[in-house]
């Protein structure tokens, strides 16, 4: 399990604040940070189309 640091949380906040697309998908910063924590811990699967 990955350790999430205060630095990680700050970086994710910068990403979220700087991206209208992220803010549309994740209206609350806390939701985005929870997603990123789960991703860092290997609990999230990202599905991509074959076109990506």
C-alpha atoms as a PDB file:
ATOM      1  CA  UNK A   1       0.000   0.000   0.000  1.00  0.00           C
ATOM      2  CA  UNK A   2       1.423   3.356  -1.049  1.00  0.00           C
ATOM      3  CA  UNK A   3       1.858   6.116   1.486  1.00  0.00           C
ATOM      4  CA  UNK A   4       0.132   9.337   0.515  1.00  0.00           C
ATOM      5  CA  UNK A   5       1.959  12.418   1.732  1.00  0.00           C
ATOM      6  CA  UNK A   6       0.883  15.997   2.288  1.00  0.00           C
ATOM      7  CA  UNK A   7       2.900  16.822  -0.824  1.00  0.00           C
ATOM      8  CA  UNK A   8       0.782  14.370  -2.849  1.00  0.00           C
ATOM      9  CA  UNK A   9      -2.406  15.998  -1.590  1.00  0.00           C
ATOM     10  CA  UNK A  10      -1.084  19.439  -2.536  1.00  0.00           C
ATOM     11  CA  UNK A  11      -0.092  18.271  -6.017  1.00  0.00           C
ATOM     12  CA  UNK A  12      -3.492  16.713  -6.591  1.00  0.00           C
ATOM     13  CA  UNK A  13      -5.142  19.938  -5.459  1.00  0.00           C
ATOM     14  CA  UNK A  14      -3.057  21.883  -7.995  1.00  0.00           C
ATOM     15  CA  UNK A  15      -4.053  19.438 -10.743  1.00  0.00           C
ATOM     16  CA  UNK A  16      -7.725  19.679  -9.777  1.00  0.00           C
ATOM     17  CA  UNK A  17      -7.772  23.486  -9.509  1.00  0.00           C
ATOM     18  CA  UNK A  18      -5.956  23.844 -12.850  1.00  0.00           C
ATOM     19  CA  UNK A  19      -8.245  21.567 -14.839  1.00  0.00           C
ATOM     20  CA  UNK A  20     -11.852  22.420 -15.657  1.00  0.00           C
ATOM     21  CA  UNK A  21     -12.251  18.867 -16.968  1.00  0.00           C
ATOM     22  CA  UNK A  22     -11.230  17.360 -13.625  1.00  0.00           C
ATOM     23  CA  UNK A  23     -13.504  19.744 -11.750  1.00  0.00           C
ATOM     24  CA  UNK A  24     -16.381  18.697 -13.997  1.00  0.00           C
ATOM     25  CA  UNK A  25     -15.722  15.000 -13.362  1.00  0.00           C
ATOM     26  CA  UNK A  26     -14.940  15.493  -9.660  1.00  0.00           C
ATOM     27  CA  UNK A  27     -16.972  18.490  -8.399  1.00  0.00           C
ATOM     28  CA  UNK A  28     -15.408  18.221  -4.917  1.00  0.00           C
ATOM     29  CA  UNK A  29     -11.656  18.282  -4.280  1.00  0.00           C
ATOM     30  CA  UNK A  30     -12.056  15.635  -1.571  1.00  0.00           C
ATOM     31  CA  UNK A  31     -13.590  13.235  -4.101  1.00  0.00           C
ATOM     32  CA  UNK A  32     -10.659  13.706  -6.484  1.00  0.00           C
ATOM     33  CA  UNK A  33      -8.157  13.194  -3.665  1.00  0.00           C
ATOM     34  CA  UNK A  34      -9.949  10.018  -2.576  1.00  0.00           C
ATOM     35  CA  UNK A  35      -9.787   8.754  -6.164  1.00  0.00           C
ATOM     36  CA  UNK A  36      -6.059   9.546  -6.389  1.00  0.00           C
ATOM     37  CA  UNK A  37      -5.394   7.812  -3.041  1.00  0.00           C
ATOM     38  CA  UNK A  38      -7.203   4.701  -4.259  1.00  0.00           C
ATOM     39  CA  UNK A  39      -5.269   4.862  -7.537  1.00  0.00           C
ATOM     40  CA  UNK A  40      -1.954   5.117  -5.648  1.00  0.00           C
ATOM     41  CA  UNK A  41      -2.945   2.049  -3.626  1.00  0.00           C
ATOM     42  CA  UNK A  42      -3.773   0.007  -6.727  1.00  0.00           C
ATOM     43  CA  UNK A  43      -7.494  -0.041  -6.004  1.00  0.00           C
ATOM     44  CA  UNK A  44      -8.585   1.679  -9.229  1.00  0.00           C
ATOM     45  CA  UNK A  45      -8.698   0.232 -12.706  1.00  0.00           C
ATOM     46  CA  UNK A  46      -8.504   2.681 -15.593  1.00  0.00           C
ATOM     47  CA  UNK A  47     -10.261   1.411 -18.686  1.00  0.00           C
ATOM     48  CA  UNK A  48      -9.069   2.833 -21.973  1.00  0.00           C
ATOM     49  CA  UNK A  49     -10.428   2.381 -25.458  1.00  0.00           C
ATOM     50  CA  UNK A  50      -8.291   0.780 -28.127  1.00  0.00           C
ATOM     51  CA  UNK A  51      -8.106   4.186 -29.818  1.00  0.00           C
ATOM     52  CA  UNK A  52      -6.012   5.663 -26.935  1.00  0.00           C
END
